[in-house]
Amino acid sequence: MHYVRLLGECRELLGEHKVTLPRPEKELLIDIRSGKYTQDQVFEIGDGLARECGQLLEKSDLPDAVDAELLSRQIADAYQYHWRALK
């Protein structure tokens, strides 16, 4: 289930530059987790998603590396906002 979930997130990130939570394919993920698909079927779904991700990656305009400084500031700001709200 996580294999398919992560590839779905990857496809959305590469194609739409966002990750939606809860996942739009939530029902599929629940069905996979509850055993409605065989392991081979799950890998088939995942392999299709992986191919899509590969194609999207070739065309992606996302940067090759994360801006670690920006990300660190964003995380620190989120923590500070949360801690201030608790006061």
PDB file of N, CA and C in Angstrom:
ATOM      1  N   MET A   1       0.825  -1.186   0.000  1.00  0.00           N
ATOM      2  CA  MET A   1       0.000   0.000   0.000  1.00  0.00           C
ATOM      3  C   MET A   1       0.871   1.252   0.000  1.00  0.00           C
ATOM      4  N   HIS A   2       1.922   1.234   0.817  1.00  0.00           N
ATOM      5  CA  HIS A   2       2.806   2.408   0.882  1.00  0.00           C
ATOM      6  C   HIS A   2       3.546   2.621  -0.438  1.00  0.00           C
ATOM      7  N   TYR A   3       3.876   1.538  -1.115  1.00  0.00           N
ATOM      8  CA  TYR A   3       4.529   1.605  -2.430  1.00  0.00           C
ATOM      9  C   TYR A   3       3.657   2.413  -3.386  1.00  0.00           C
ATOM     10  N   VAL A   4       2.387   2.093  -3.449  1.00  0.00           N
ATOM     11  CA  VAL A   4       1.458   2.780  -4.344  1.00  0.00           C
ATOM     12  C   VAL A   4       1.203   4.204  -3.854  1.00  0.00           C
ATOM     13  N   ARG A   5       1.063   4.394  -2.546  1.00  0.00           N
ATOM     14  CA  ARG A   5       0.820   5.728  -1.993  1.00  0.00           C
ATOM     15  C   ARG A   5       1.969   6.682  -2.333  1.00  0.00           C
ATOM     16  N   LEU A   6       3.198   6.225  -2.082  1.00  0.00           N
ATOM     17  CA  LEU A   6       4.358   7.088  -2.344  1.00  0.00           C
ATOM     18  C   LEU A   6       4.495   7.419  -3.824  1.00  0.00           C
ATOM     19  N   LEU A   7       4.240   6.453  -4.670  1.00  0.00           N
ATOM     20  CA  LEU A   7       4.316   6.723  -6.108  1.00  0.00           C
ATOM     21  C   LEU A   7       3.200   7.672  -6.549  1.00  0.00           C
ATOM     22  N   GLY A   8       2.027   7.567  -5.931  1.00  0.00           N
ATOM     23  CA  GLY A   8       0.948   8.509  -6.219  1.00  0.00           C
ATOM     24  C   GLY A   8       1.330   9.921  -5.795  1.00  0.00           C
ATOM     25  N   GLU A   9       1.965  10.032  -4.630  1.00  0.00           N
ATOM     26  CA  GLU A   9       2.434  11.339  -4.171  1.00  0.00           C
ATOM     27  C   GLU A   9       3.506  11.887  -5.105  1.00  0.00           C
ATOM     28  N   CYS A  10       4.394  11.022  -5.549  1.00  0.00           N
ATOM     29  CA  CYS A  10       5.461  11.423  -6.472  1.00  0.00           C
ATOM     30  C   CYS A  10       4.854  11.931  -7.780  1.00  0.00           C
ATOM     31  N   ARG A  11       3.890  11.193  -8.307  1.00  0.00           N
ATOM     32  CA  ARG A  11       3.247  11.597  -9.571  1.00  0.00           C
ATOM     33  C   ARG A  11       2.587  12.973  -9.415  1.00  0.00           C
ATOM     34  N   GLU A  12       1.885  13.166  -8.309  1.00  0.00           N
ATOM     35  CA  GLU A  12       1.216  14.445  -8.094  1.00  0.00           C
ATOM     36  C   GLU A  12       2.232  15.575  -7.912  1.00  0.00           C
ATOM     37  N   LEU A  13       3.279  15.330  -7.160  1.00  0.00           N
ATOM     38  CA  LEU A  13       4.302  16.353  -6.934  1.00  0.00           C
ATOM     39  C   LEU A  13       4.981  16.745  -8.243  1.00  0.00           C
ATOM     40  N   LEU A  14       5.346  15.759  -9.038  1.00  0.00           N
ATOM     41  CA  LEU A  14       6.015  16.059 -10.304  1.00  0.00           C
ATOM     42  C   LEU A  14       5.076  16.709 -11.315  1.00  0.00           C
ATOM     43  N   GLY A  15       3.822  16.302 -11.307  1.00  0.00           N
ATOM     44  CA  GLY A  15       2.882  16.821 -12.301  1.00  0.00           C
ATOM     45  C   GLY A  15       2.194  18.108 -11.903  1.00  0.00           C
ATOM     46  N   GLU A  16       1.901  18.257 -10.598  1.00  0.00           N
ATOM     47  CA  GLU A  16       1.107  19.403 -10.155  1.00  0.00           C
ATOM     48  C   GLU A  16       1.806  20.276  -9.116  1.00  0.00           C
ATOM     49  N   HIS A  17       3.009  19.867  -8.711  1.00  0.00           N
ATOM     50  CA  HIS A  17       3.805  20.611  -7.722  1.00  0.00           C
ATOM     51  C   HIS A  17       3.098  20.739  -6.376  1.00  0.00           C
ATOM     52  N   LYS A  18       2.339  19.724  -6.009  1.00  0.00           N
ATOM     53  CA  LYS A  18       1.678  19.696  -4.708  1.00  0.00           C
ATOM     54  C   LYS A  18       1.454  18.246  -4.304  1.00  0.00           C
ATOM     55  N   VAL A  19       1.147  18.046  -3.027  1.00  0.00           N
ATOM     56  CA  VAL A  19       0.774  16.728  -2.521  1.00  0.00           C
ATOM     57  C   VAL A  19      -0.507  16.909  -1.713  1.00  0.00           C
ATOM     58  N   THR A  20      -1.559  16.232  -2.117  1.00  0.00           N
ATOM     59  CA  THR A  20      -2.862  16.349  -1.487  1.00  0.00           C
ATOM     60  C   THR A  20      -3.014  15.312  -0.386  1.00  0.00           C
ATOM     61  N   LEU A  21      -3.448  15.780   0.786  1.00  0.00           N
ATOM     62  CA  LEU A  21      -3.751  14.876   1.896  1.00  0.00           C
ATOM     63  C   LEU A  21      -5.146  15.207   2.401  1.00  0.00           C
ATOM     64  N   PRO A  22      -5.982  14.236   2.664  1.00  0.00           N
ATOM     65  CA  PRO A  22      -5.770  12.816   2.419  1.00  0.00           C
ATOM     66  C   PRO A  22      -5.671  12.535   0.922  1.00  0.00           C
ATOM     67  N   ARG A  23      -5.100  11.406   0.611  1.00  0.00           N
ATOM     68  CA  ARG A  23      -4.812  11.046  -0.770  1.00  0.00           C
ATOM     69  C   ARG A  23      -6.087  10.874  -1.585  1.00  0.00           C
ATOM     70  N   PRO A  24      -6.091  11.405  -2.820  1.00  0.00           N
ATOM     71  CA  PRO A  24      -7.263  11.241  -3.690  1.00  0.00           C
ATOM     72  C   PRO A  24      -7.580   9.768  -3.994  1.00  0.00           C
ATOM     73  N   GLU A  25      -6.556   8.924  -4.004  1.00  0.00           N
ATOM     74  CA  GLU A  25      -6.756   7.503  -4.293  1.00  0.00           C
ATOM     75  C   GLU A  25      -6.943   6.696  -3.008  1.00  0.00           C
ATOM     76  N   LYS A  26      -7.512   7.349  -1.992  1.00  0.00           N
ATOM     77  CA  LYS A  26      -7.683   6.755  -0.666  1.00  0.00           C
ATOM     78  C   LYS A  26      -8.404   5.395  -0.739  1.00  0.00           C
ATOM     79  N   GLU A  27      -9.459   5.297  -1.549  1.00  0.00           N
ATOM     80  CA  GLU A  27     -10.220   4.044  -1.634  1.00  0.00           C
ATOM     81  C   GLU A  27      -9.356   2.915  -2.186  1.00  0.00           C
ATOM     82  N   LEU A  28      -8.559   3.204  -3.195  1.00  0.00           N
ATOM     83  CA  LEU A  28      -7.642   2.202  -3.741  1.00  0.00           C
ATOM     84  C   LEU A  28      -6.663   1.750  -2.668  1.00  0.00           C
ATOM     85  N   LEU A  29      -6.119   2.687  -1.931  1.00  0.00           N
ATOM     86  CA  LEU A  29      -5.146   2.356  -0.885  1.00  0.00           C
ATOM     87  C   LEU A  29      -5.775   1.493   0.204  1.00  0.00           C
ATOM     88  N   ILE A  30      -7.001   1.818   0.587  1.00  0.00           N
ATOM     89  CA  ILE A  30      -7.711   1.011   1.590  1.00  0.00           C
ATOM     90  C   ILE A  30      -7.963  -0.392   1.049  1.00  0.00           C
ATOM     91  N   ASP A  31      -8.361  -0.485  -0.217  1.00  0.00           N
ATOM     92  CA  ASP A  31      -8.590  -1.799  -0.825  1.00  0.00           C
ATOM     93  C   ASP A  31      -7.304  -2.624  -0.876  1.00  0.00           C
ATOM     94  N   ILE A  32      -6.198  -1.977  -1.185  1.00  0.00           N
ATOM     95  CA  ILE A  32      -4.913  -2.688  -1.194  1.00  0.00           C
ATOM     96  C   ILE A  32      -4.588  -3.183   0.197  1.00  0.00           C
ATOM     97  N   ARG A  33      -4.728  -2.300   1.179  1.00  0.00           N
ATOM     98  CA  ARG A  33      -4.413  -2.668   2.564  1.00  0.00           C
ATOM     99  C   ARG A  33      -5.309  -3.797   3.065  1.00  0.00           C
ATOM    100  N   SER A  34      -6.546  -3.815   2.629  1.00  0.00           N
ATOM    101  CA  SER A  34      -7.476  -4.846   3.114  1.00  0.00           C
ATOM    102  C   SER A  34      -7.397  -6.149   2.325  1.00  0.00           C
ATOM    103  N   GLY A  35      -6.467  -6.219   1.367  1.00  0.00           N
ATOM    104  CA  GLY A  35      -6.218  -7.484   0.678  1.00  0.00           C
ATOM    105  C   GLY A  35      -7.066  -7.743  -0.546  1.00  0.00           C
ATOM    106  N   LYS A  36      -7.710  -6.724  -1.090  1.00  0.00           N
ATOM    107  CA  LYS A  36      -8.557  -6.914  -2.274  1.00  0.00           C
ATOM    108  C   LYS A  36      -7.734  -7.049  -3.556  1.00  0.00           C
ATOM    109  N   TYR A  37      -6.429  -6.790  -3.463  1.00  0.00           N
ATOM    110  CA  TYR A  37      -5.529  -6.939  -4.602  1.00  0.00           C
ATOM    111  C   TYR A  37      -4.436  -7.925  -4.232  1.00  0.00           C
ATOM    112  N   THR A  38      -4.025  -8.706  -5.222  1.00  0.00           N
ATOM    113  CA  THR A  38      -2.901  -9.617  -4.989  1.00  0.00           C
ATOM    114  C   THR A  38      -1.610  -8.805  -5.007  1.00  0.00           C
ATOM    115  N   GLN A  39      -0.547  -9.406  -4.517  1.00  0.00           N
ATOM    116  CA  GLN A  39       0.748  -8.729  -4.531  1.00  0.00           C
ATOM    117  C   GLN A  39       1.146  -8.392  -5.966  1.00  0.00           C
ATOM    118  N   ASP A  40       0.912  -9.313  -6.887  1.00  0.00           N
ATOM    119  CA  ASP A  40       1.247  -9.047  -8.291  1.00  0.00           C
ATOM    120  C   ASP A  40       0.449  -7.862  -8.840  1.00  0.00           C
ATOM    121  N   GLN A  41      -0.828  -7.770  -8.475  1.00  0.00           N
ATOM    122  CA  GLN A  41      -1.646  -6.655  -8.934  1.00  0.00           C
ATOM    123  C   GLN A  41      -1.141  -5.322  -8.365  1.00  0.00           C
ATOM    124  N   VAL A  42      -0.742  -5.343  -7.109  1.00  0.00           N
ATOM    125  CA  VAL A  42      -0.221  -4.128  -6.481  1.00  0.00           C
ATOM    126  C   VAL A  42       1.061  -3.695  -7.177  1.00  0.00           C
ATOM    127  N   PHE A  43       1.943  -4.653  -7.472  1.00  0.00           N
ATOM    128  CA  PHE A  43       3.184  -4.298  -8.164  1.00  0.00           C
ATOM    129  C   PHE A  43       2.902  -3.813  -9.582  1.00  0.00           C
ATOM    130  N   GLU A  44       1.878  -4.340 -10.216  1.00  0.00           N
ATOM    131  CA  GLU A  44       1.496  -3.883 -11.544  1.00  0.00           C
ATOM    132  C   GLU A  44       1.034  -2.419 -11.481  1.00  0.00           C
ATOM    133  N   ILE A  45       0.201  -2.097 -10.497  1.00  0.00           N
ATOM    134  CA  ILE A  45      -0.257  -0.724 -10.297  1.00  0.00           C
ATOM    135  C   ILE A  45       0.955   0.179 -10.034  1.00  0.00           C
ATOM    136  N   GLY A  46       1.825  -0.262  -9.140  1.00  0.00           N
ATOM    137  CA  GLY A  46       3.018   0.515  -8.792  1.00  0.00           C
ATOM    138  C   GLY A  46       3.944   0.708  -9.972  1.00  0.00           C
ATOM    139  N   ASP A  47       4.122  -0.334 -10.764  1.00  0.00           N
ATOM    140  CA  ASP A  47       5.004  -0.223 -11.930  1.00  0.00           C
ATOM    141  C   ASP A  47       4.465   0.805 -12.925  1.00  0.00           C
ATOM    142  N   GLY A  48       3.135   0.837 -13.092  1.00  0.00           N
ATOM    143  CA  GLY A  48       2.530   1.841 -13.973  1.00  0.00           C
ATOM    144  C   GLY A  48       2.761   3.246 -13.448  1.00  0.00           C
ATOM    145  N   LEU A  49       2.593   3.413 -12.144  1.00  0.00           N
ATOM    146  CA  LEU A  49       2.843   4.715 -11.529  1.00  0.00           C
ATOM    147  C   LEU A  49       4.316   5.105 -11.649  1.00  0.00           C
ATOM    148  N   ALA A  50       5.202   4.146 -11.463  1.00  0.00           N
ATOM    149  CA  ALA A  50       6.639   4.423 -11.569  1.00  0.00           C
ATOM    150  C   ALA A  50       6.996   4.876 -12.986  1.00  0.00           C
ATOM    151  N   ARG A  51       6.388   4.259 -13.990  1.00  0.00           N
ATOM    152  CA  ARG A  51       6.634   4.688 -15.376  1.00  0.00           C
ATOM    153  C   ARG A  51       6.153   6.132 -15.577  1.00  0.00           C
ATOM    154  N   GLU A  52       4.951   6.429 -15.060  1.00  0.00           N
ATOM    155  CA  GLU A  52       4.425   7.791 -15.159  1.00  0.00           C
ATOM    156  C   GLU A  52       5.361   8.787 -14.480  1.00  0.00           C
ATOM    157  N   CYS A  53       5.847   8.419 -13.302  1.00  0.00           N
ATOM    158  CA  CYS A  53       6.764   9.302 -12.566  1.00  0.00           C
ATOM    159  C   CYS A  53       8.039   9.541 -13.368  1.00  0.00           C
ATOM    160  N   GLY A  54       8.554   8.508 -13.988  1.00  0.00           N
ATOM    161  CA  GLY A  54       9.760   8.647 -14.807  1.00  0.00           C
ATOM    162  C   GLY A  54       9.544   9.609 -15.960  1.00  0.00           C
ATOM    163  N   GLN A  55       8.396   9.501 -16.616  1.00  0.00           N
ATOM    164  CA  GLN A  55       8.081  10.397 -17.723  1.00  0.00           C
ATOM    165  C   GLN A  55       7.920  11.835 -17.236  1.00  0.00           C
ATOM    166  N   LEU A  56       7.240  11.995 -16.091  1.00  0.00           N
ATOM    167  CA  LEU A  56       7.051  13.333 -15.533  1.00  0.00           C
ATOM    168  C   LEU A  56       8.380  13.936 -15.073  1.00  0.00           C
ATOM    169  N   LEU A  57       9.253  13.107 -14.543  1.00  0.00           N
ATOM    170  CA  LEU A  57      10.551  13.584 -14.074  1.00  0.00           C
ATOM    171  C   LEU A  57      11.376  14.144 -15.228  1.00  0.00           C
ATOM    172  N   GLU A  58      11.295  13.506 -16.381  1.00  0.00           N
ATOM    173  CA  GLU A  58      12.033  13.983 -17.556  1.00  0.00           C
ATOM    174  C   GLU A  58      11.602  15.390 -17.959  1.00  0.00           C
ATOM    175  N   LYS A  59      10.313  15.720 -17.740  1.00  0.00           N
ATOM    176  CA  LYS A  59       9.778  17.021 -18.142  1.00  0.00           C
ATOM    177  C   LYS A  59       9.690  18.010 -16.985  1.00  0.00           C
ATOM    178  N   SER A  60      10.022  17.570 -15.795  1.00  0.00           N
ATOM    179  CA  SER A  60       9.807  18.385 -14.599  1.00  0.00           C
ATOM    180  C   SER A  60      10.666  19.640 -14.584  1.00  0.00           C
ATOM    181  N   ASP A  61      10.061  20.721 -14.080  1.00  0.00           N
ATOM    182  CA  ASP A  61      10.820  21.954 -13.898  1.00  0.00           C
ATOM    183  C   ASP A  61      11.154  22.173 -12.422  1.00  0.00           C
ATOM    184  N   LEU A  62      10.932  21.159 -11.593  1.00  0.00           N
ATOM    185  CA  LEU A  62      11.306  21.262 -10.187  1.00  0.00           C
ATOM    186  C   LEU A  62      12.833  21.296 -10.069  1.00  0.00           C
ATOM    187  N   PRO A  63      13.353  21.995  -9.072  1.00  0.00           N
ATOM    188  CA  PRO A  63      14.811  22.045  -8.918  1.00  0.00           C
ATOM    189  C   PRO A  63      15.373  20.667  -8.561  1.00  0.00           C
ATOM    190  N   ASP A  64      16.628  20.458  -8.910  1.00  0.00           N
ATOM    191  CA  ASP A  64      17.290  19.181  -8.621  1.00  0.00           C
ATOM    192  C   ASP A  64      17.597  19.010  -7.144  1.00  0.00           C
ATOM    193  N   ALA A  65      17.697  20.105  -6.413  1.00  0.00           N
ATOM    194  CA  ALA A  65      18.023  20.035  -4.990  1.00  0.00           C
ATOM    195  C   ALA A  65      17.094  20.970  -4.216  1.00  0.00           C
ATOM    196  N   VAL A  66      16.859  20.607  -2.980  1.00  0.00           N
ATOM    197  CA  VAL A  66      16.013  21.413  -2.109  1.00  0.00           C
ATOM    198  C   VAL A  66      16.805  22.602  -1.565  1.00  0.00           C
ATOM    199  N   ASP A  67      16.134  23.710  -1.348  1.00  0.00           N
ATOM    200  CA  ASP A  67      16.740  24.874  -0.706  1.00  0.00           C
ATOM    201  C   ASP A  67      16.680  24.612   0.795  1.00  0.00           C
ATOM    202  N   ALA A  68      17.725  24.022   1.340  1.00  0.00           N
ATOM    203  CA  ALA A  68      17.735  23.585   2.740  1.00  0.00           C
ATOM    204  C   ALA A  68      17.553  24.750   3.697  1.00  0.00           C
ATOM    205  N   GLU A  69      18.109  25.895   3.371  1.00  0.00           N
ATOM    206  CA  GLU A  69      17.976  27.068   4.241  1.00  0.00           C
ATOM    207  C   GLU A  69      16.521  27.520   4.318  1.00  0.00           C
ATOM    208  N   LEU A  70      15.870  27.603   3.178  1.00  0.00           N
ATOM    209  CA  LEU A  70      14.458  27.988   3.135  1.00  0.00           C
ATOM    210  C   LEU A  70      13.600  26.978   3.887  1.00  0.00           C
ATOM    211  N   LEU A  71      13.849  25.714   3.652  1.00  0.00           N
ATOM    212  CA  LEU A  71      13.085  24.660   4.322  1.00  0.00           C
ATOM    213  C   LEU A  71      13.278  24.723   5.828  1.00  0.00           C
ATOM    214  N   SER A  72      14.487  24.939   6.272  1.00  0.00           N
ATOM    215  CA  SER A  72      14.773  25.041   7.697  1.00  0.00           C
ATOM    216  C   SER A  72      14.027  26.220   8.319  1.00  0.00           C
ATOM    217  N   ARG A  73      14.013  27.357   7.620  1.00  0.00           N
ATOM    218  CA  ARG A  73      13.283  28.529   8.127  1.00  0.00           C
ATOM    219  C   ARG A  73      11.784  28.252   8.198  1.00  0.00           C
ATOM    220  N   GLN A  74      11.250  27.575   7.195  1.00  0.00           N
ATOM    221  CA  GLN A  74       9.821  27.270   7.169  1.00  0.00           C
ATOM    222  C   GLN A  74       9.441  26.360   8.341  1.00  0.00           C
ATOM    223  N   ILE A  75      10.256  25.374   8.597  1.00  0.00           N
ATOM    224  CA  ILE A  75       9.993  24.446   9.706  1.00  0.00           C
ATOM    225  C   ILE A  75      10.084  25.186  11.037  1.00  0.00           C
ATOM    226  N   ALA A  76      11.109  26.002  11.199  1.00  0.00           N
ATOM    227  CA  ALA A  76      11.266  26.773  12.436  1.00  0.00           C
ATOM    228  C   ALA A  76      10.082  27.712  12.637  1.00  0.00           C
ATOM    229  N   ASP A  77       9.639  28.372  11.574  1.00  0.00           N
ATOM    230  CA  ASP A  77       8.485  29.269  11.668  1.00  0.00           C
ATOM    231  C   ASP A  77       7.220  28.506  12.061  1.00  0.00           C
ATOM    232  N   ALA A  78       7.043  27.325  11.511  1.00  0.00           N
ATOM    233  CA  ALA A  78       5.861  26.522  11.842  1.00  0.00           C
ATOM    234  C   ALA A  78       5.876  26.114  13.310  1.00  0.00           C
ATOM    235  N   TYR A  79       7.040  25.704  13.805  1.00  0.00           N
ATOM    236  CA  TYR A  79       7.153  25.348  15.223  1.00  0.00           C
ATOM    237  C   TYR A  79       6.856  26.562  16.110  1.00  0.00           C
ATOM    238  N   GLN A  80       7.442  27.701  15.776  1.00  0.00           N
ATOM    239  CA  GLN A  80       7.239  28.899  16.592  1.00  0.00           C
ATOM    240  C   GLN A  80       5.775  29.331  16.581  1.00  0.00           C
ATOM    241  N   TYR A  81       5.141  29.247  15.437  1.00  0.00           N
ATOM    242  CA  TYR A  81       3.717  29.577  15.343  1.00  0.00           C
ATOM    243  C   TYR A  81       2.913  28.653  16.255  1.00  0.00           C
ATOM    244  N   HIS A  82       3.206  27.373  16.212  1.00  0.00           N
ATOM    245  CA  HIS A  82       2.498  26.391  17.043  1.00  0.00           C
ATOM    246  C   HIS A  82       2.728  26.663  18.531  1.00  0.00           C
ATOM    247  N   TRP A  83       3.970  26.898  18.910  1.00  0.00           N
ATOM    248  CA  TRP A  83       4.280  27.131  20.322  1.00  0.00           C
ATOM    249  C   TRP A  83       3.625  28.401  20.834  1.00  0.00           C
ATOM    250  N   ARG A  84       3.590  29.456  20.004  1.00  0.00           N
ATOM    251  CA  ARG A  84       2.916  30.701  20.414  1.00  0.00           C
ATOM    252  C   ARG A  84       1.422  30.463  20.605  1.00  0.00           C
ATOM    253  N   ALA A  85       0.842  29.626  19.785  1.00  0.00           N
ATOM    254  CA  ALA A  85      -0.594  29.347  19.879  1.00  0.00           C
ATOM    255  C   ALA A  85      -0.938  28.587  21.160  1.00  0.00           C
ATOM    256  N   LEU A  86       0.020  27.888  21.725  1.00  0.00           N
ATOM    257  CA  LEU A  86      -0.225  27.120  22.956  1.00  0.00           C
ATOM    258  C   LEU A  86      -0.242  27.987  24.195  1.00  0.00           C
ATOM    259  N   LYS A  87       0.296  29.199  24.106  1.00  0.00           N
ATOM    260  CA  LYS A  87       0.398  30.079  25.289  1.00  0.00           C
ATOM    261  C   LYS A  87      -0.954  30.603  25.698  1.00  0.00           C
TER     262      LYS A  87
END
